[in-house]
Amino acid sequence: MRNPTAFLFSALLAGGALVHAPQARAANIPVTNCNNTGAGSLRNAATIAISGDTIDLRALGCNPINVTSGQIVLPQSSITLLGRDRLQNTIRGNSTARVLNHTGGGTLRLTRVSLSYGRFTSGGALGGCVSSQGNVELRQSRVHHCDAVPQGGLEPSGMGGGVFAVGNVLLSESSVFANRLLGEGAGGGIGAFGSVTLDRSQVYDNMSADAGGGLDGEDVSLSYSMVLRNTSTHDGGGVTAHGNVVVNKSTMAGNDAGWNCGALCAYGDGTRSIHDSTISGNTATSDSGASVSGDMDVRNSTIAFNRETGSQCWGAVSALNLRLESTIVSRNTCDGGPDVDVGGFDFPGWTLTGSHNLIGTSVLPVPPDTIGGDPLLAPLANNGGPTRTHAIGAASPAINGGNNTLGRAFDQRGAGFPRVVGGAPDIGAYER
């Protein structure tokens, strides 16, 4: 699916050759009007800025800036766009052009701005709203309602309906939503050849006509973040990853894959962990929750209410070597036959280890101290903290049945919600 050389060649043709600007002391370049071109416009600021400068939108009294004569090219190695507020400083492509094309090899930083309604059509469609030959950082920013449309050439493909980077993508207190990849490739919301990191951010309601409905990256890290209601025609309704995966105090819910892995698909080699997190309400033909090649470590998490819609039942979570600690894997369903919570193949080479878990059904033999029964999970809700969780009922067998092998002070919700209340930790992501 990944072909970096072809993607880069197409991107360079679309954005022009790389420009190496001279270096000088960083400056603030104010944008003084919302015109598409001319003195004081964003497009003009992009042409006069050098690497390290900040293009400053904070004094604007108008909104939005409509990009009506093609994408704005940012040739600087590193450049920052600084707004006053992401709801008051919007740059729109009006569904006719990509918004920003960063051809430098450093970092494009977007702080307190929104990019929206970009559309990029190409044989190598990289980024419907923003594309970077380096890295992209979104801080208190939004990218939404953008389309990448692979079209033309012998084998059209694309990445990142909203955001694409040859390097890494970082979201901090930001959101990427309602974007689409309308053809072969990966990453309905975000696509990167490097890592994708979410910190207190949300990726939701994105769509990929191929893989990675929410996002696709080499390494993927989620912390206090949510990946919600994304869809893919093939694998990975929420996330596809090709290297390391860290899901920490985060929720992946309501994602849908036409083929495999409703929430998360991780291919190839890498370290994969899911800690203090919730995977809930995802659907796929098979592997309704998370499926990885190799090893996966899951602790103090809740994996529930995921649904397989195919004729065979592979489970809500599976890995070649799966370790579960103090985790609920229960109430997952399969349309095609008996429900399977923990999947895999019951023959040598596949292992399930750990302790203090509540598991409904498992293809693999479960650890000897595993308990069953209904965990009495309440619907997914805002129970405090930045992410959604399943509270557990007062009579749940998960209460005081878990462990805290990570030594965490708080449950999934974070500060103010102790990991241990009573004699022992509860099983799952939520401490009653």
Protein backbone atom coordinates (compact mmCIF):
# COMPACT_ATOMS: atom_id res chain seq x y z
CA MET A 1 0.00 0.00 0.00
CA ARG A 2 2.87 2.41 0.80
CA ASN A 3 5.00 3.70 -2.04
CA PRO A 4 6.94 6.72 -0.70
CA THR A 5 8.92 7.29 -3.88
CA ALA A 6 5.85 7.56 -6.06
CA PHE A 7 4.09 9.75 -3.52
CA LEU A 8 7.03 12.13 -3.20
CA PHE A 9 7.50 12.46 -6.95
CA SER A 10 3.83 13.34 -7.39
CA ALA A 11 3.92 15.79 -4.48
CA LEU A 12 6.95 17.61 -5.84
CA LEU A 13 5.34 17.94 -9.24
CA ALA A 14 2.21 19.36 -7.59
CA GLY A 15 4.01 21.77 -5.28
CA GLY A 16 7.08 22.80 -7.27
CA ALA A 17 10.74 22.18 -6.60
CA LEU A 18 12.10 22.63 -3.10
CA VAL A 19 13.24 26.21 -2.35
CA HIS A 20 16.07 26.84 0.08
CA ALA A 21 15.51 30.23 1.68
CA PRO A 22 18.35 32.18 3.26
CA GLN A 23 18.50 32.16 7.05
CA ALA A 24 18.10 35.20 9.30
CA ARG A 25 16.66 36.12 12.68
CA ALA A 26 13.05 34.96 13.04
CA ALA A 27 10.41 37.63 12.54
CA ASN A 28 6.67 38.07 12.89
CA ILE A 29 4.94 38.82 9.60
CA PRO A 30 1.42 40.18 10.17
CA VAL A 31 -1.51 39.27 7.95
CA THR A 32 -3.70 42.37 7.84
CA ASN A 33 -6.59 41.35 5.58
CA CYS A 34 -8.49 38.31 4.35
CA ASN A 35 -7.79 38.91 0.66
CA ASN A 36 -6.66 36.01 -1.47
CA THR A 37 -3.67 37.96 -2.84
CA GLY A 38 -1.91 41.29 -2.51
CA ALA A 39 -0.20 43.27 0.21
CA GLY A 40 -1.17 42.19 3.71
CA SER A 41 -2.62 38.85 2.55
CA LEU A 42 -1.65 35.42 3.81
CA ARG A 43 -0.42 34.46 0.36
CA ASN A 44 1.85 37.49 0.27
CA ALA A 45 3.19 36.74 3.75
CA ALA A 46 4.01 33.20 2.60
CA THR A 47 6.15 34.57 -0.22
CA ILE A 48 8.23 36.96 1.90
CA ALA A 49 8.71 34.84 5.03
CA ILE A 50 11.94 32.95 5.63
CA SER A 51 12.57 29.83 7.66
CA GLY A 52 11.87 30.35 11.36
CA ASP A 53 9.41 33.21 10.83
CA THR A 54 5.89 33.38 12.24
CA ILE A 55 3.02 34.41 10.00
CA ASP A 56 0.73 36.20 12.44
CA LEU A 57 -3.06 36.21 11.94
CA ARG A 58 -3.98 37.42 15.42
CA ALA A 59 -4.87 41.01 14.47
CA LEU A 60 -7.35 40.01 11.75
CA GLY A 61 -10.86 41.38 12.15
CA CYS A 62 -12.17 39.31 9.25
CA ASN A 63 -12.84 35.59 8.85
CA PRO A 64 -12.38 33.34 6.91
CA ILE A 65 -9.49 33.69 4.48
CA ASN A 66 -10.74 32.11 1.25
CA VAL A 67 -8.06 30.49 -0.91
CA THR A 68 -9.48 31.04 -4.41
CA SER A 69 -6.48 30.89 -6.75
CA GLY A 70 -4.77 27.64 -5.84
CA GLN A 71 -2.94 26.35 -2.80
CA ILE A 72 -0.66 28.60 -0.76
CA VAL A 73 2.91 27.35 -1.03
CA LEU A 74 5.21 27.60 2.00
CA PRO A 75 8.78 26.95 0.79
CA GLN A 76 10.46 27.70 4.13
CA SER A 77 12.17 24.85 5.98
CA SER A 78 10.23 25.67 9.17
CA ILE A 79 7.38 28.15 9.47
CA THR A 80 4.62 28.92 11.99
CA LEU A 81 1.08 30.17 11.34
CA LEU A 82 -0.22 31.77 14.52
CA GLY A 83 -3.87 32.65 15.07
CA ARG A 84 -5.85 34.19 17.88
CA ASP A 85 -8.45 31.42 18.07
CA ARG A 86 -9.15 28.38 15.91
CA LEU A 87 -12.81 29.39 15.56
CA GLN A 88 -11.93 32.95 14.54
CA ASN A 89 -8.99 32.31 12.21
CA THR A 90 -10.04 29.90 9.45
CA ILE A 91 -8.33 29.35 6.10
CA ARG A 92 -10.70 27.76 3.57
CA GLY A 93 -10.02 26.04 0.29
CA ASN A 94 -13.66 26.31 -0.82
CA SER A 95 -13.48 22.67 -2.02
CA THR A 96 -11.47 23.77 -5.06
CA ALA A 97 -7.85 23.64 -3.86
CA ARG A 98 -5.58 22.28 -1.19
CA VAL A 99 -5.05 25.00 1.42
CA LEU A 100 -1.34 24.75 2.32
CA ASN A 101 1.58 23.04 0.59
CA HIS A 102 4.71 23.09 2.75
CA THR A 103 7.64 22.17 0.52
CA GLY A 104 10.31 22.66 3.20
CA GLY A 105 11.90 19.78 5.07
CA GLY A 106 11.48 21.19 8.59
CA THR A 107 8.24 21.72 10.51
CA LEU A 108 5.03 23.52 9.63
CA ARG A 109 3.41 24.65 12.89
CA LEU A 110 -0.24 25.67 12.98
CA THR A 111 -1.28 27.26 16.26
CA ARG A 112 -4.87 28.32 17.03
CA VAL A 113 -6.04 28.22 13.41
CA SER A 114 -8.45 26.12 11.35
CA LEU A 115 -8.01 24.75 7.85
CA SER A 116 -11.14 23.60 6.06
CA TYR A 117 -12.76 22.60 2.79
CA GLY A 118 -9.55 21.86 0.95
CA ARG A 119 -9.55 19.46 -2.00
CA PHE A 120 -6.54 18.03 -3.79
CA THR A 121 -6.85 15.80 -6.85
CA SER A 122 -3.74 14.08 -8.22
CA GLY A 123 -2.27 10.70 -9.10
CA GLY A 124 -0.42 11.08 -5.80
CA ALA A 125 -3.02 12.84 -3.67
CA LEU A 126 -1.17 13.74 -0.48
CA GLY A 127 -3.17 15.87 1.95
CA GLY A 128 -6.51 17.42 1.08
CA CYS A 129 -5.94 20.50 3.24
CA VAL A 130 -2.26 20.46 4.15
CA SER A 131 0.75 18.62 2.79
CA SER A 132 4.31 18.83 4.09
CA GLN A 133 7.62 17.47 2.85
CA GLY A 134 8.72 17.69 6.50
CA ASN A 135 6.59 17.60 9.66
CA VAL A 136 3.23 19.06 10.67
CA GLU A 137 2.27 20.25 14.14
CA LEU A 138 -1.28 21.25 15.05
CA ARG A 139 -1.61 23.05 18.37
CA GLN A 140 -5.10 24.09 19.48
CA SER A 141 -6.05 23.87 15.82
CA ARG A 142 -8.51 22.09 13.55
CA VAL A 143 -8.48 20.51 10.08
CA HIS A 144 -11.87 19.54 8.73
CA HIS A 145 -14.02 18.84 5.65
CA CYS A 146 -11.07 18.24 3.34
CA ASP A 147 -10.73 15.69 0.51
CA ALA A 148 -7.73 13.95 -1.05
CA VAL A 149 -8.76 12.48 -4.40
CA PRO A 150 -6.36 10.00 -6.07
CA GLN A 151 -7.04 10.43 -9.78
CA GLY A 152 -4.96 10.20 -12.94
CA GLY A 153 -1.88 8.20 -13.86
CA LEU A 154 -1.46 4.44 -13.99
CA GLU A 155 -1.88 3.70 -10.27
CA PRO A 156 -3.42 6.67 -8.46
CA SER A 157 -3.13 6.58 -4.68
CA GLY A 158 -3.14 9.00 -1.78
CA MET A 159 -2.67 9.60 1.92
CA GLY A 160 -4.26 11.96 4.38
CA GLY A 161 -7.67 13.30 3.49
CA GLY A 162 -6.96 16.22 5.82
CA VAL A 163 -3.26 16.18 6.70
CA PHE A 164 -0.23 14.52 5.12
CA ALA A 165 3.46 14.65 6.08
CA VAL A 166 6.53 12.93 4.72
CA GLY A 167 7.83 13.16 8.28
CA ASN A 168 5.77 13.25 11.47
CA VAL A 169 2.38 14.64 12.46
CA LEU A 170 1.64 15.94 15.97
CA LEU A 171 -1.76 16.99 17.30
CA SER A 172 -1.83 18.77 20.66
CA GLU A 173 -5.25 19.86 21.93
CA SER A 174 -6.42 19.71 18.33
CA SER A 175 -8.95 17.93 16.15
CA VAL A 176 -9.05 16.45 12.66
CA PHE A 177 -12.57 15.58 11.53
CA ALA A 178 -14.92 15.05 8.58
CA ASN A 179 -12.11 14.54 6.06
CA ARG A 180 -12.04 11.95 3.26
CA LEU A 181 -9.57 9.94 1.23
CA LEU A 182 -11.57 9.16 -1.91
CA GLY A 183 -9.51 6.38 -3.44
CA GLU A 184 -6.71 3.90 -2.86
CA GLY A 185 -4.26 4.66 -0.06
CA ALA A 186 -4.50 5.24 3.67
CA GLY A 187 -5.52 7.83 6.22
CA GLY A 188 -8.94 9.38 5.91
CA GLY A 189 -7.99 12.11 8.36
CA ILE A 190 -4.20 11.91 8.68
CA GLY A 191 -1.47 10.11 6.75
CA ALA A 192 2.26 10.16 7.48
CA PHE A 193 5.34 8.23 6.44
CA GLY A 194 6.67 8.95 9.93
CA SER A 195 4.89 8.96 13.28
CA VAL A 196 1.43 10.26 14.19
CA THR A 197 1.08 11.50 17.78
CA LEU A 198 -2.14 12.63 19.44
CA ASP A 199 -2.00 14.44 22.80
CA ARG A 200 -5.37 15.44 24.26
CA SER A 201 -6.77 15.51 20.75
CA GLN A 202 -9.55 13.99 18.68
CA VAL A 203 -9.73 12.36 15.26
CA TYR A 204 -13.33 11.67 14.31
CA ASP A 205 -15.86 11.25 11.49
CA ASN A 206 -13.18 10.77 8.83
CA MET A 207 -13.45 8.29 5.94
CA SER A 208 -11.00 6.32 3.83
CA ALA A 209 -12.06 4.45 0.70
CA ASP A 210 -9.16 2.13 1.47
CA ALA A 211 -7.39 1.75 4.86
CA GLY A 212 -6.99 3.77 8.05
CA GLY A 213 -10.29 5.59 8.34
CA GLY A 214 -9.02 7.96 11.02
CA LEU A 215 -5.27 7.90 10.53
CA ASP A 216 -2.32 5.96 9.15
CA GLY A 217 1.27 6.26 10.32
CA GLU A 218 4.47 4.31 10.77
CA ASP A 219 4.38 4.68 14.57
CA VAL A 220 1.19 5.82 16.31
CA SER A 221 0.84 7.23 19.82
CA LEU A 222 -2.40 8.31 21.54
CA SER A 223 -2.47 9.95 24.96
CA TYR A 224 -5.65 11.29 26.59
CA SER A 225 -7.15 11.29 23.11
CA MET A 226 -10.13 9.88 21.21
CA VAL A 227 -10.50 8.23 17.81
CA LEU A 228 -14.23 8.14 17.11
CA ARG A 229 -16.67 7.15 14.35
CA ASN A 230 -14.13 6.89 11.53
CA THR A 231 -14.75 4.47 8.65
CA SER A 232 -12.65 2.56 6.15
CA THR A 233 -13.71 0.44 3.21
CA HIS A 234 -10.90 -2.04 3.92
CA ASP A 235 -8.73 -2.39 7.08
CA GLY A 236 -8.50 -0.22 10.17
CA GLY A 237 -11.67 1.73 10.74
CA GLY A 238 -9.86 3.89 13.28
CA VAL A 239 -6.11 3.44 12.92
CA THR A 240 -3.60 1.58 10.77
CA ALA A 241 0.02 1.48 11.94
CA HIS A 242 3.15 -0.15 10.57
CA GLY A 243 5.52 0.06 13.53
CA ASN A 244 5.15 0.86 17.23
CA VAL A 245 1.78 1.64 18.82
CA VAL A 246 1.05 3.27 22.18
CA VAL A 247 -2.54 3.80 23.29
CA ASN A 248 -2.53 5.45 26.71
CA LYS A 249 -5.57 6.76 28.61
CA SER A 250 -7.46 7.03 25.34
CA THR A 251 -10.69 5.86 23.74
CA MET A 252 -11.24 4.29 20.33
CA ALA A 253 -14.97 3.94 19.78
CA GLY A 254 -17.59 3.71 17.07
CA ASN A 255 -15.13 3.09 14.23
CA ASP A 256 -16.05 0.79 11.36
CA ALA A 257 -13.92 -1.24 8.93
CA GLY A 258 -15.28 -2.95 5.83
CA TRP A 259 -12.70 -5.71 6.23
CA ASN A 260 -10.56 -6.14 9.37
CA CYS A 261 -9.86 -4.28 12.62
CA GLY A 262 -12.65 -1.96 13.63
CA ALA A 263 -10.42 0.18 15.88
CA LEU A 264 -6.77 -0.71 15.26
CA CYS A 265 -4.70 -2.70 12.76
CA ALA A 266 -0.93 -2.89 13.36
CA TYR A 267 1.18 -4.60 10.73
CA GLY A 268 4.78 -5.84 10.74
CA ASP A 269 7.15 -5.58 13.68
CA GLY A 270 6.91 -3.22 16.60
CA THR A 271 6.06 -2.75 20.26
CA ARG A 272 2.31 -2.42 20.85
CA SER A 273 0.68 -1.40 24.13
CA ILE A 274 -2.81 -0.42 25.25
CA HIS A 275 -2.89 0.93 28.80
CA ASP A 276 -5.70 2.57 30.82
CA SER A 277 -7.81 2.78 27.66
CA THR A 278 -11.18 1.86 26.19
CA ILE A 279 -11.94 0.12 22.89
CA SER A 280 -15.68 0.04 22.49
CA GLY A 281 -18.49 -0.12 19.96
CA ASN A 282 -16.28 -0.68 16.92
CA THR A 283 -17.38 -2.88 14.02
CA ALA A 284 -15.60 -4.87 11.31
CA THR A 285 -16.19 -7.92 9.19
CA SER A 286 -13.54 -9.60 11.36
CA ASP A 287 -11.35 -8.56 14.33
CA SER A 288 -13.80 -6.00 15.64
CA GLY A 289 -11.46 -4.23 18.07
CA ALA A 290 -7.66 -4.41 17.87
CA SER A 291 -5.58 -6.89 15.91
CA VAL A 292 -1.79 -6.80 15.62
CA SER A 293 0.95 -8.98 14.26
CA GLY A 294 3.47 -10.01 16.90
CA ASP A 295 3.13 -9.06 20.56
CA MET A 296 0.68 -6.77 22.36
CA ASP A 297 0.53 -5.66 25.99
CA VAL A 298 -2.89 -4.59 27.34
CA ARG A 299 -3.30 -3.40 30.93
CA ASN A 300 -6.10 -1.82 32.98
CA SER A 301 -8.26 -1.43 29.89
CA THR A 302 -11.80 -2.16 28.77
CA ILE A 303 -12.55 -3.85 25.43
CA ALA A 304 -16.29 -4.28 25.09
CA PHE A 305 -19.35 -4.01 22.82
CA ASN A 306 -17.36 -4.45 19.63
CA ARG A 307 -19.13 -6.34 16.84
CA GLU A 308 -17.95 -8.63 14.06
CA THR A 309 -20.34 -8.62 11.13
CA GLY A 310 -18.85 -11.46 9.06
CA SER A 311 -19.63 -15.15 8.86
CA GLN A 312 -16.54 -16.15 10.89
CA CYS A 313 -15.71 -14.99 14.39
CA TRP A 314 -12.09 -13.94 15.06
CA GLY A 315 -12.54 -11.95 18.26
CA ALA A 316 -12.38 -8.38 19.55
CA VAL A 317 -8.67 -8.48 20.36
CA SER A 318 -5.90 -10.70 19.04
CA ALA A 319 -2.12 -10.87 18.85
CA LEU A 320 0.41 -13.66 18.43
CA ASN A 321 1.59 -13.12 22.01
CA LEU A 322 -1.06 -11.30 24.00
CA ARG A 323 -0.56 -10.18 27.58
CA LEU A 324 -3.61 -8.99 29.49
CA GLU A 325 -3.39 -7.47 32.95
CA SER A 326 -6.40 -6.25 34.93
CA THR A 327 -8.41 -5.91 31.72
CA ILE A 328 -12.06 -6.45 30.80
CA VAL A 329 -12.62 -8.21 27.47
CA SER A 330 -16.32 -8.96 27.42
CA ARG A 331 -19.69 -8.32 25.80
CA ASN A 332 -18.23 -8.38 22.27
CA THR A 333 -20.45 -10.00 19.64
CA CYS A 334 -20.26 -11.79 16.30
CA ASP A 335 -23.10 -12.01 13.79
CA GLY A 336 -21.79 -15.21 12.21
CA GLY A 337 -21.67 -17.53 15.17
CA PRO A 338 -20.69 -17.84 18.83
CA ASP A 339 -19.28 -14.61 20.22
CA VAL A 340 -15.49 -14.40 20.69
CA ASP A 341 -13.86 -11.86 22.99
CA VAL A 342 -10.19 -12.92 22.81
CA GLY A 343 -9.23 -14.29 19.42
CA GLY A 344 -6.25 -16.12 18.01
CA PHE A 345 -5.45 -19.73 17.14
CA ASP A 346 -5.25 -22.43 19.79
CA PHE A 347 -2.04 -24.06 18.66
CA PRO A 348 1.67 -23.68 19.56
CA GLY A 349 3.06 -20.22 18.94
CA TRP A 350 -0.02 -18.32 20.08
CA THR A 351 -0.05 -17.34 23.75
CA LEU A 352 -2.29 -15.53 26.22
CA THR A 353 -0.65 -14.55 29.51
CA GLY A 354 -1.31 -12.18 32.40
CA SER A 355 -3.52 -12.05 35.49
CA HIS A 356 -6.53 -10.44 37.18
CA ASN A 357 -8.67 -10.24 34.05
CA LEU A 358 -12.39 -10.52 33.37
CA ILE A 359 -12.85 -12.34 30.05
CA GLY A 360 -16.07 -13.52 28.44
CA THR A 361 -14.89 -16.05 25.85
CA SER A 362 -11.46 -16.88 24.49
CA VAL A 363 -10.07 -19.04 21.72
CA LEU A 364 -6.86 -19.39 23.76
CA PRO A 365 -6.62 -20.89 27.25
CA VAL A 366 -6.99 -18.07 29.77
CA PRO A 367 -4.71 -17.46 32.79
CA PRO A 368 -5.84 -19.47 35.83
CA ASP A 369 -7.10 -16.52 37.91
CA THR A 370 -9.35 -15.16 35.12
CA ILE A 371 -12.93 -14.45 36.17
CA GLY A 372 -16.07 -14.31 34.04
CA GLY A 373 -19.55 -12.94 34.46
CA ASP A 374 -21.23 -9.76 33.34
CA PRO A 375 -18.97 -6.76 34.14
CA LEU A 376 -22.09 -4.54 34.37
CA LEU A 377 -20.73 -1.81 32.14
CA ALA A 378 -22.71 1.39 31.76
CA PRO A 379 -22.94 2.98 28.30
CA LEU A 380 -19.91 4.90 27.03
CA ALA A 381 -20.17 8.37 28.52
CA ASN A 382 -18.34 11.46 29.75
CA ASN A 383 -17.53 10.30 33.27
CA GLY A 384 -14.84 12.89 33.88
CA GLY A 385 -11.48 13.51 32.28
CA PRO A 386 -10.88 14.26 28.59
CA THR A 387 -12.04 10.88 27.22
CA ARG A 388 -15.16 8.72 27.37
CA THR A 389 -15.32 5.62 29.54
CA HIS A 390 -17.60 2.80 30.64
CA ALA A 391 -18.49 3.10 34.33
CA ILE A 392 -18.99 -0.19 36.16
CA GLY A 393 -22.01 -1.03 38.27
CA ALA A 394 -21.96 -1.38 42.04
CA ALA A 395 -22.36 -5.18 41.82
CA SER A 396 -19.76 -5.70 39.07
CA PRO A 397 -17.37 -8.62 39.64
CA ALA A 398 -14.62 -6.31 38.34
CA ILE A 399 -14.64 -4.27 41.57
CA ASN A 400 -11.45 -4.79 43.61
CA GLY A 401 -10.49 -7.66 41.31
CA GLY A 402 -7.63 -6.09 39.40
CA ASN A 403 -3.99 -5.16 39.75
CA ASN A 404 -1.85 -2.09 39.13
CA THR A 405 1.32 -3.50 37.62
CA LEU A 406 2.12 -0.13 36.00
CA GLY A 407 1.92 1.70 39.35
CA ARG A 408 -0.45 4.31 37.94
CA ALA A 409 -1.82 6.99 40.27
CA PHE A 410 -4.99 7.52 38.22
CA ASP A 411 -7.37 5.54 36.03
CA GLN A 412 -8.08 6.40 32.37
CA ARG A 413 -9.68 9.70 33.33
CA GLY A 414 -6.48 11.13 34.77
CA ALA A 415 -5.88 13.48 37.69
CA GLY A 416 -8.65 13.44 40.29
CA PHE A 417 -9.64 9.83 39.57
CA PRO A 418 -7.44 7.50 41.66
CA ARG A 419 -6.41 4.16 40.20
CA VAL A 420 -7.11 2.43 43.54
CA VAL A 421 -10.27 3.05 45.55
CA GLY A 422 -10.85 0.49 48.28
CA GLY A 423 -8.79 -2.60 48.91
CA ALA A 424 -7.54 -3.18 45.36
CA PRO A 425 -7.83 -1.76 41.85
CA ASP A 426 -10.92 -2.53 39.82
CA ILE A 427 -10.49 -4.49 36.59
CA GLY A 428 -10.71 -2.30 33.49
CA ALA A 429 -10.08 1.31 32.58
CA TYR A 430 -12.53 2.81 35.10
CA GLU A 431 -12.15 2.81 38.89
CA ARG A 432 -15.47 2.97 40.73
